[in-house]
Structure formats: structure tokens, C-alpha cells
Amino acid sequence: MGFGGGVTFVSDRQGDLENTFTLPSYVRTDAAIYYRRDNWRVGLNIKNLFDVYYFESADSIDSVYPAAPFTVLETVSIQF
């Protein structure tokens, strides 16, 4: 059994090459838990644990891309 976590901070940044607008800063928290037995592994990864609304990137003032909301990914793997 294992677990992990992480915090990502991104400060204010320019939204385009001409510096016409700024994307705001954000803090995102991620977490993971897994169980391993013999050659099997089951994991649960959580991205954006607190469902923070933020912008990941932008091409222009008209093309700003919001990030994914609270996301859970379950994995099952076997090692040969």
C-alpha cells in the first residue's frame, strides 16, 4: 500500500506572445493511492483534488483553455 500527493503552483503569466493579457495564477493539488501485491497493482489517481477552476493555457484572448475539473483515474496493471 502506498500513497502520494503533490501541489502545483503556477504564477501569473502572459496569455499570448504580444503580452496583451495575463492568465491568473493557480494552485492545484493532486493525490494518489495504490495497492501492490505480487505482480498486480491497483491505483487511484486524483487530479485537481479541490476542484479549482483555472486556465491551463491560451492562444489568444479569444482562445483561453480551462483545465480539467476534479478527475479520478483508476488503473489496474499486471507485470510479467
N, C-alpha and C. Protein backbone atom coordinates (compact mmCIF):
# COMPACT_ATOMS: atom_id res chain seq x y z
N MET A 1 0.85 -1.16 0.00
CA MET A 1 0.00 0.00 0.00
C MET A 1 0.90 1.23 0.00
N GLY A 2 0.53 2.19 -0.80
CA GLY A 2 1.28 3.42 -0.84
C GLY A 2 0.40 4.59 -1.22
N PHE A 3 0.89 5.76 -0.97
CA PHE A 3 0.13 6.96 -1.32
C PHE A 3 1.11 8.09 -1.63
N GLY A 4 0.59 9.10 -2.27
CA GLY A 4 1.41 10.26 -2.60
C GLY A 4 0.54 11.47 -2.87
N GLY A 5 1.16 12.58 -2.95
CA GLY A 5 0.43 13.81 -3.21
C GLY A 5 1.37 14.86 -3.77
N GLY A 6 0.79 15.87 -4.31
CA GLY A 6 1.60 16.95 -4.86
C GLY A 6 0.81 18.23 -4.99
N VAL A 7 1.52 19.32 -4.94
CA VAL A 7 0.92 20.64 -5.09
C VAL A 7 1.65 21.35 -6.23
N THR A 8 0.89 21.89 -7.16
CA THR A 8 1.46 22.62 -8.29
C THR A 8 1.04 24.09 -8.18
N PHE A 9 2.03 24.97 -8.21
CA PHE A 9 1.75 26.40 -8.22
C PHE A 9 2.25 26.98 -9.53
N VAL A 10 1.39 27.73 -10.20
CA VAL A 10 1.75 28.45 -11.42
C VAL A 10 1.39 29.91 -11.21
N SER A 11 2.38 30.78 -11.36
CA SER A 11 2.13 32.21 -11.13
C SER A 11 1.47 32.85 -12.35
N ASP A 12 1.11 34.12 -12.20
CA ASP A 12 0.55 34.86 -13.34
C ASP A 12 1.49 34.75 -14.53
N ARG A 13 0.92 34.64 -15.71
CA ARG A 13 1.73 34.54 -16.93
C ARG A 13 1.02 35.20 -18.08
N GLN A 14 1.78 35.58 -19.07
CA GLN A 14 1.21 36.24 -20.23
C GLN A 14 0.41 35.24 -21.05
N GLY A 15 -0.72 35.67 -21.56
CA GLY A 15 -1.61 34.79 -22.30
C GLY A 15 -1.28 34.65 -23.77
N ASP A 16 -0.52 35.58 -24.32
CA ASP A 16 -0.14 35.48 -25.74
C ASP A 16 1.24 36.11 -25.93
N LEU A 17 1.77 35.97 -27.13
CA LEU A 17 3.12 36.47 -27.41
C LEU A 17 3.22 37.99 -27.40
N GLU A 18 2.10 38.67 -27.64
CA GLU A 18 2.11 40.13 -27.64
C GLU A 18 1.92 40.72 -26.25
N ASN A 19 1.73 39.88 -25.24
CA ASN A 19 1.53 40.32 -23.85
C ASN A 19 0.33 41.24 -23.69
N THR A 20 -0.78 40.91 -24.36
CA THR A 20 -1.97 41.76 -24.29
C THR A 20 -2.89 41.41 -23.13
N PHE A 21 -2.70 40.24 -22.52
CA PHE A 21 -3.49 39.88 -21.35
C PHE A 21 -2.72 38.89 -20.49
N THR A 22 -3.17 38.74 -19.25
CA THR A 22 -2.48 37.88 -18.28
C THR A 22 -3.42 36.79 -17.80
N LEU A 23 -2.90 35.56 -17.75
CA LEU A 23 -3.65 34.46 -17.14
C LEU A 23 -3.33 34.46 -15.65
N PRO A 24 -4.35 34.30 -14.79
CA PRO A 24 -4.11 34.37 -13.35
C PRO A 24 -3.37 33.14 -12.81
N SER A 25 -2.76 33.31 -11.66
CA SER A 25 -2.06 32.21 -11.01
C SER A 25 -3.06 31.20 -10.45
N TYR A 26 -2.54 30.00 -10.14
CA TYR A 26 -3.39 28.98 -9.51
C TYR A 26 -2.54 27.99 -8.73
N VAL A 27 -3.21 27.29 -7.82
CA VAL A 27 -2.60 26.21 -7.06
C VAL A 27 -3.50 25.00 -7.24
N ARG A 28 -2.91 23.89 -7.70
CA ARG A 28 -3.66 22.65 -7.91
C ARG A 28 -3.06 21.56 -7.02
N THR A 29 -3.92 20.76 -6.42
CA THR A 29 -3.48 19.67 -5.55
C THR A 29 -3.87 18.34 -6.17
N ASP A 30 -2.92 17.41 -6.20
CA ASP A 30 -3.15 16.07 -6.74
C ASP A 30 -2.85 15.04 -5.65
N ALA A 31 -3.44 13.85 -5.78
CA ALA A 31 -3.21 12.78 -4.81
C ALA A 31 -3.26 11.43 -5.51
N ALA A 32 -2.64 10.44 -4.88
CA ALA A 32 -2.64 9.10 -5.44
C ALA A 32 -2.57 8.08 -4.31
N ILE A 33 -3.18 6.94 -4.54
CA ILE A 33 -3.10 5.83 -3.61
C ILE A 33 -3.04 4.55 -4.45
N TYR A 34 -2.24 3.61 -3.99
CA TYR A 34 -2.14 2.36 -4.75
C TYR A 34 -1.94 1.18 -3.81
N TYR A 35 -2.24 0.00 -4.34
CA TYR A 35 -2.03 -1.24 -3.62
C TYR A 35 -1.31 -2.19 -4.56
N ARG A 36 -0.23 -2.80 -4.07
CA ARG A 36 0.55 -3.72 -4.90
C ARG A 36 0.64 -5.06 -4.17
N ARG A 37 0.40 -6.11 -4.94
CA ARG A 37 0.52 -7.46 -4.39
C ARG A 37 1.07 -8.37 -5.48
N ASP A 38 2.17 -9.04 -5.18
CA ASP A 38 2.87 -9.88 -6.15
C ASP A 38 3.13 -9.06 -7.41
N ASN A 39 2.56 -9.46 -8.54
CA ASN A 39 2.80 -8.72 -9.79
C ASN A 39 1.58 -7.88 -10.20
N TRP A 40 0.61 -7.70 -9.31
CA TRP A 40 -0.58 -6.88 -9.57
C TRP A 40 -0.45 -5.53 -8.89
N ARG A 41 -1.01 -4.52 -9.53
CA ARG A 41 -1.04 -3.18 -8.94
C ARG A 41 -2.36 -2.51 -9.30
N VAL A 42 -3.02 -1.95 -8.29
CA VAL A 42 -4.26 -1.20 -8.48
C VAL A 42 -4.01 0.20 -7.93
N GLY A 43 -4.33 1.21 -8.73
CA GLY A 43 -4.07 2.58 -8.32
C GLY A 43 -5.24 3.50 -8.55
N LEU A 44 -5.29 4.55 -7.76
CA LEU A 44 -6.31 5.58 -7.89
C LEU A 44 -5.59 6.92 -7.87
N ASN A 45 -5.67 7.66 -8.98
CA ASN A 45 -5.03 8.96 -9.10
C ASN A 45 -6.10 10.05 -9.17
N ILE A 46 -5.92 11.08 -8.38
CA ILE A 46 -6.88 12.18 -8.33
C ILE A 46 -6.15 13.46 -8.73
N LYS A 47 -6.64 14.09 -9.78
CA LYS A 47 -6.07 15.36 -10.24
C LYS A 47 -7.07 16.47 -9.91
N ASN A 48 -6.56 17.60 -9.45
CA ASN A 48 -7.38 18.75 -9.07
C ASN A 48 -8.32 18.37 -7.93
N LEU A 49 -7.74 17.88 -6.86
CA LEU A 49 -8.46 17.35 -5.71
C LEU A 49 -9.53 18.30 -5.17
N PHE A 50 -9.27 19.58 -5.15
CA PHE A 50 -10.23 20.55 -4.60
C PHE A 50 -11.04 21.26 -5.67
N ASP A 51 -11.03 20.72 -6.89
CA ASP A 51 -11.85 21.22 -8.00
C ASP A 51 -11.66 22.72 -8.23
N VAL A 52 -10.42 23.15 -8.29
CA VAL A 52 -10.08 24.55 -8.53
C VAL A 52 -10.32 24.88 -10.00
N TYR A 53 -10.95 25.99 -10.27
CA TYR A 53 -11.17 26.43 -11.65
C TYR A 53 -9.99 27.31 -12.05
N TYR A 54 -9.28 26.91 -13.11
CA TYR A 54 -8.13 27.67 -13.56
C TYR A 54 -7.95 27.49 -15.06
N PHE A 55 -7.12 28.35 -15.63
CA PHE A 55 -6.84 28.30 -17.06
C PHE A 55 -5.46 27.69 -17.27
N GLU A 56 -5.42 26.62 -18.07
CA GLU A 56 -4.16 25.92 -18.32
C GLU A 56 -3.29 26.66 -19.33
N SER A 57 -3.91 27.18 -20.38
CA SER A 57 -3.15 27.87 -21.42
C SER A 57 -4.08 28.74 -22.26
N ALA A 58 -3.47 29.44 -23.21
CA ALA A 58 -4.24 30.28 -24.12
C ALA A 58 -3.46 30.50 -25.40
N ASP A 59 -4.19 30.69 -26.49
CA ASP A 59 -3.57 31.06 -27.77
C ASP A 59 -3.74 32.56 -28.03
N SER A 60 -4.89 33.07 -27.57
CA SER A 60 -5.20 34.49 -27.72
C SER A 60 -6.29 34.82 -26.71
N ILE A 61 -6.70 36.06 -26.65
CA ILE A 61 -7.76 36.46 -25.72
C ILE A 61 -9.08 35.74 -26.02
N ASP A 62 -9.24 35.31 -27.27
CA ASP A 62 -10.45 34.59 -27.67
C ASP A 62 -10.32 33.08 -27.55
N SER A 63 -9.13 32.57 -27.27
CA SER A 63 -8.90 31.13 -27.16
C SER A 63 -8.17 30.81 -25.87
N VAL A 64 -8.91 30.85 -24.77
CA VAL A 64 -8.37 30.54 -23.46
C VAL A 64 -8.90 29.16 -23.07
N TYR A 65 -7.99 28.28 -22.61
CA TYR A 65 -8.36 26.89 -22.34
C TYR A 65 -8.42 26.60 -20.85
N PRO A 66 -9.62 26.35 -20.33
CA PRO A 66 -9.73 25.98 -18.92
C PRO A 66 -9.20 24.56 -18.71
N ALA A 67 -8.73 24.30 -17.51
CA ALA A 67 -8.20 22.98 -17.18
C ALA A 67 -9.34 22.03 -16.81
N ALA A 68 -9.00 20.77 -16.74
CA ALA A 68 -9.98 19.75 -16.37
C ALA A 68 -10.40 19.93 -14.91
N PRO A 69 -11.65 19.66 -14.60
CA PRO A 69 -12.10 19.74 -13.22
C PRO A 69 -11.58 18.53 -12.42
N PHE A 70 -12.09 18.33 -11.24
CA PHE A 70 -11.77 17.18 -10.41
C PHE A 70 -11.84 15.91 -11.27
N THR A 71 -10.74 15.17 -11.32
CA THR A 71 -10.66 14.00 -12.20
C THR A 71 -10.10 12.81 -11.41
N VAL A 72 -10.74 11.64 -11.58
CA VAL A 72 -10.28 10.42 -10.94
C VAL A 72 -9.94 9.41 -12.02
N LEU A 73 -8.76 8.80 -11.90
CA LEU A 73 -8.31 7.80 -12.86
C LEU A 73 -7.93 6.53 -12.07
N GLU A 74 -8.58 5.43 -12.41
CA GLU A 74 -8.26 4.17 -11.77
C GLU A 74 -7.47 3.31 -12.76
N THR A 75 -6.42 2.67 -12.26
CA THR A 75 -5.61 1.80 -13.11
C THR A 75 -5.44 0.44 -12.45
N VAL A 76 -5.41 -0.58 -13.29
CA VAL A 76 -5.10 -1.94 -12.86
C VAL A 76 -4.03 -2.44 -13.80
N SER A 77 -2.95 -2.96 -13.24
CA SER A 77 -1.87 -3.45 -14.09
C SER A 77 -1.28 -4.74 -13.54
N ILE A 78 -0.70 -5.49 -14.44
CA ILE A 78 -0.01 -6.73 -14.09
C ILE A 78 1.35 -6.70 -14.76
N GLN A 79 2.36 -7.12 -14.06
CA GLN A 79 3.71 -7.10 -14.59
C GLN A 79 4.15 -8.54 -14.88
N PHE A 80 4.65 -8.76 -16.09
CA PHE A 80 5.09 -10.11 -16.48
C PHE A 80 6.57 -10.24 -16.31
